[in-house]
Amino acid sequence: MPVRTRCYAALALGLLADQPTTPGDAFAKDGKLVVRGLWTRLQEDRAGDETSVALLVALSMQCRQGVPEAVRTGLRGLVSTGLLAGRRHGAIVQAQAALALARLADVDAAGVFLGILKGRSQSLEVRRSAILALGVLAPRLDEVRRVSAIDALVSHARRGDPDTTGLAWITVGRVLAADLADGSMA
């Protein structure tokens, strides 16, 4: 199938993620069958950047409970190194993987994003996605992680380009809003 058709099919699977699954089918519960199919196709050699991004978007729309730890571990590796199944992916795929990881992983993923912000080895696209990913994680972060996130975001905002700085300040606002919503003043 043409690349565009494959991308639309992946996005359609993502949009269907909120539909109920068969209660009696343990494998299909929480969309595990769809997650497995998306993850398998993401690791294929023929999945170029466009298809990989569409697959990651579709994967990120799935129910968190239906995503196995092995998939989250693979996403962490893709975000951190750009490698998946022994194959190097471009910055745009790595950046989208960061957003998928933020939606699907637990709060420990914040360490990956903070590491990206503190380092200088990642591309601008990946650093921007790490900033946005911290905003996605903000409601799930505890007080200590929120303080660490704010410190890293403010530090990054002081040295970043204007667009990245703007994203950092928006994410600071999301983290502060999550903190206030929890009744914390950390």
Protein backbone atom coordinates (compact mmCIF):
# COMPACT_ATOMS: atom_id res chain seq x y z
CA MET A 1 0.00 0.00 0.00
CA PRO A 2 1.15 3.57 -0.57
CA VAL A 3 2.71 5.35 2.41
CA ARG A 4 -0.16 7.82 2.75
CA THR A 5 -2.71 4.99 2.91
CA ARG A 6 -0.67 3.21 5.60
CA CYS A 7 -0.48 6.44 7.61
CA TYR A 8 -4.23 7.04 7.39
CA ALA A 9 -4.88 3.44 8.45
CA ALA A 10 -2.63 3.87 11.49
CA LEU A 11 -4.32 7.14 12.44
CA ALA A 12 -7.75 5.49 12.05
CA LEU A 13 -6.68 2.79 14.51
CA GLY A 14 -5.64 5.52 16.91
CA LEU A 15 -8.97 7.28 16.59
CA LEU A 16 -10.77 4.01 17.36
CA ALA A 17 -8.80 3.51 20.59
CA ASP A 18 -11.68 4.73 22.77
CA GLN A 19 -14.04 2.03 21.45
CA PRO A 20 -14.93 -0.88 23.75
CA THR A 21 -13.16 -4.19 23.21
CA THR A 22 -14.48 -7.71 23.63
CA PRO A 23 -14.71 -8.31 27.41
CA GLY A 24 -14.26 -12.09 27.12
CA ASP A 25 -11.07 -11.86 25.05
CA ALA A 26 -8.16 -11.46 27.48
CA PHE A 27 -5.70 -10.62 24.69
CA ALA A 28 -7.92 -7.94 23.16
CA LYS A 29 -8.64 -6.39 26.57
CA ASP A 30 -7.63 -2.73 26.70
CA GLY A 31 -6.72 -2.87 23.00
CA LYS A 32 -3.62 -5.04 23.50
CA LEU A 33 -4.07 -6.63 20.08
CA VAL A 34 -4.02 -3.22 18.38
CA VAL A 35 -1.03 -2.11 20.45
CA ARG A 36 0.86 -5.22 19.43
CA GLY A 37 0.04 -4.64 15.75
CA LEU A 38 1.11 -1.00 15.84
CA TRP A 39 4.31 -1.79 17.73
CA THR A 40 5.21 -4.65 15.38
CA ARG A 41 4.76 -2.46 12.31
CA LEU A 42 6.79 0.34 13.88
CA GLN A 43 9.76 -2.02 14.12
CA GLU A 44 9.59 -3.08 10.45
CA ASP A 45 12.35 -1.98 8.08
CA ARG A 46 9.84 -0.56 5.62
CA ALA A 47 8.39 1.90 8.15
CA GLY A 48 9.83 5.24 7.04
CA ASP A 49 9.58 8.47 9.00
CA GLU A 50 6.03 9.30 7.87
CA THR A 51 4.65 5.88 8.66
CA SER A 52 6.58 5.70 11.94
CA VAL A 53 5.15 9.03 13.10
CA ALA A 54 1.60 7.93 12.22
CA LEU A 55 2.12 4.63 14.06
CA LEU A 56 3.45 6.49 17.12
CA VAL A 57 0.47 8.86 17.12
CA ALA A 58 -1.91 5.89 16.89
CA LEU A 59 -0.02 4.08 19.63
CA SER A 60 -0.17 7.12 21.90
CA MET A 61 -3.96 7.19 21.61
CA GLN A 62 -4.34 3.67 23.01
CA CYS A 63 -5.44 2.90 26.55
CA ARG A 64 -2.42 3.10 28.88
CA GLN A 65 -3.44 -0.15 30.58
CA GLY A 66 -3.20 -1.99 27.26
CA VAL A 67 0.41 -1.01 26.61
CA PRO A 68 2.88 -3.61 27.86
CA GLU A 69 6.02 -2.58 29.72
CA ALA A 70 8.15 -3.86 26.84
CA VAL A 71 6.57 -1.25 24.53
CA ARG A 72 7.20 1.53 27.06
CA THR A 73 10.79 0.35 27.44
CA GLY A 74 11.19 0.38 23.66
CA LEU A 75 9.78 3.90 23.51
CA ARG A 76 12.24 5.04 26.20
CA GLY A 77 15.09 3.64 24.15
CA LEU A 78 13.83 5.28 20.97
CA VAL A 79 13.51 8.64 22.72
CA SER A 80 16.93 8.42 24.36
CA THR A 81 19.00 6.93 21.55
CA GLY A 82 16.98 7.13 18.35
CA LEU A 83 17.26 3.34 18.02
CA LEU A 84 14.44 0.84 17.75
CA ALA A 85 14.95 -2.82 16.83
CA GLY A 86 18.56 -2.05 15.92
CA ARG A 87 17.55 0.62 13.42
CA ARG A 88 18.29 4.34 13.70
CA HIS A 89 15.35 6.71 13.30
CA GLY A 90 15.35 10.40 12.49
CA ALA A 91 14.78 13.25 14.93
CA ILE A 92 11.13 13.67 13.94
CA VAL A 93 10.37 10.04 14.85
CA GLN A 94 12.35 10.38 18.07
CA ALA A 95 10.42 13.56 18.94
CA GLN A 96 7.05 11.90 18.33
CA ALA A 97 8.17 8.92 20.42
CA ALA A 98 8.74 11.34 23.32
CA LEU A 99 5.15 12.51 23.15
CA ALA A 100 3.87 8.93 22.90
CA LEU A 101 5.97 7.96 25.91
CA ALA A 102 4.57 10.88 27.92
CA ARG A 103 1.01 9.73 27.24
CA LEU A 104 1.63 6.03 27.87
CA ALA A 105 4.32 5.74 30.54
CA ASP A 106 4.35 6.27 34.26
CA VAL A 107 5.95 9.25 35.97
CA ASP A 108 9.41 7.68 35.84
CA ALA A 109 9.54 8.77 32.19
CA ALA A 110 10.06 12.31 33.49
CA GLY A 111 13.69 11.34 34.12
CA VAL A 112 14.18 10.68 30.40
CA PHE A 113 12.79 14.09 29.51
CA LEU A 114 14.77 15.90 32.20
CA GLY A 115 17.92 14.18 30.97
CA ILE A 116 17.26 15.41 27.44
CA LEU A 117 16.79 18.97 28.69
CA LYS A 118 19.94 18.92 30.78
CA GLY A 119 22.06 17.48 27.98
CA ARG A 120 22.97 19.05 24.69
CA SER A 121 23.29 16.00 22.47
CA GLN A 122 19.67 15.82 21.25
CA SER A 123 18.26 17.71 18.29
CA LEU A 124 16.08 20.76 18.75
CA GLU A 125 12.97 18.75 17.76
CA VAL A 126 13.63 16.15 20.44
CA ARG A 127 14.33 18.79 23.11
CA ARG A 128 11.10 20.60 22.24
CA SER A 129 9.15 17.35 22.46
CA ALA A 130 10.76 16.62 25.84
CA ILE A 131 9.53 20.01 27.04
CA LEU A 132 6.00 19.30 25.83
CA ALA A 133 6.14 15.77 27.27
CA LEU A 134 6.80 17.20 30.74
CA GLY A 135 3.63 19.24 30.32
CA VAL A 136 1.69 16.09 29.42
CA LEU A 137 3.08 14.32 32.50
CA ALA A 138 2.54 17.31 34.82
CA PRO A 139 -0.73 16.12 36.45
CA ARG A 140 0.85 12.76 37.30
CA LEU A 141 4.12 14.12 38.74
CA ASP A 142 4.74 14.26 42.47
CA GLU A 143 5.98 17.44 44.16
CA VAL A 144 9.66 16.53 43.93
CA ARG A 145 9.46 15.78 40.21
CA ARG A 146 7.48 18.96 39.60
CA VAL A 147 10.18 21.05 41.28
CA SER A 148 12.86 19.28 39.21
CA ALA A 149 10.83 19.87 36.06
CA ILE A 150 10.40 23.58 36.81
CA ASP A 151 14.13 23.97 37.49
CA ALA A 152 15.06 22.26 34.21
CA LEU A 153 12.45 24.16 32.22
CA VAL A 154 13.47 27.57 33.57
CA SER A 155 17.13 26.77 32.97
CA HIS A 156 16.36 25.67 29.43
CA ALA A 157 14.22 28.75 28.80
CA ARG A 158 17.14 31.00 29.73
CA ARG A 159 19.44 29.47 27.13
CA GLY A 160 17.05 28.39 24.38
CA ASP A 161 15.92 29.99 21.16
CA PRO A 162 12.71 32.08 21.33
CA ASP A 163 10.39 29.28 20.13
CA THR A 164 11.82 26.73 22.55
CA THR A 165 11.73 29.30 25.34
CA GLY A 166 8.04 29.90 24.67
CA LEU A 167 7.30 26.18 24.86
CA ALA A 168 9.27 25.94 28.11
CA TRP A 169 7.25 28.77 29.71
CA ILE A 170 3.96 27.22 28.58
CA THR A 171 5.04 23.92 30.14
CA VAL A 172 6.05 25.72 33.34
CA GLY A 173 2.47 27.00 33.47
CA ARG A 174 1.09 23.46 33.03
CA VAL A 175 3.33 22.14 35.82
CA LEU A 176 2.33 25.02 38.12
CA ALA A 177 -1.36 24.47 37.34
CA ALA A 178 -1.03 20.77 38.19
CA ASP A 179 0.72 21.65 41.42
CA LEU A 180 -1.97 24.14 42.43
CA ALA A 181 -4.73 21.70 41.47
CA ASP A 182 -3.25 19.20 43.92
CA GLY A 183 -3.24 21.86 46.64
CA SER A 184 0.55 21.89 46.75
CA MET A 185 2.73 24.95 46.85
CA ALA A 186 5.97 23.10 46.03
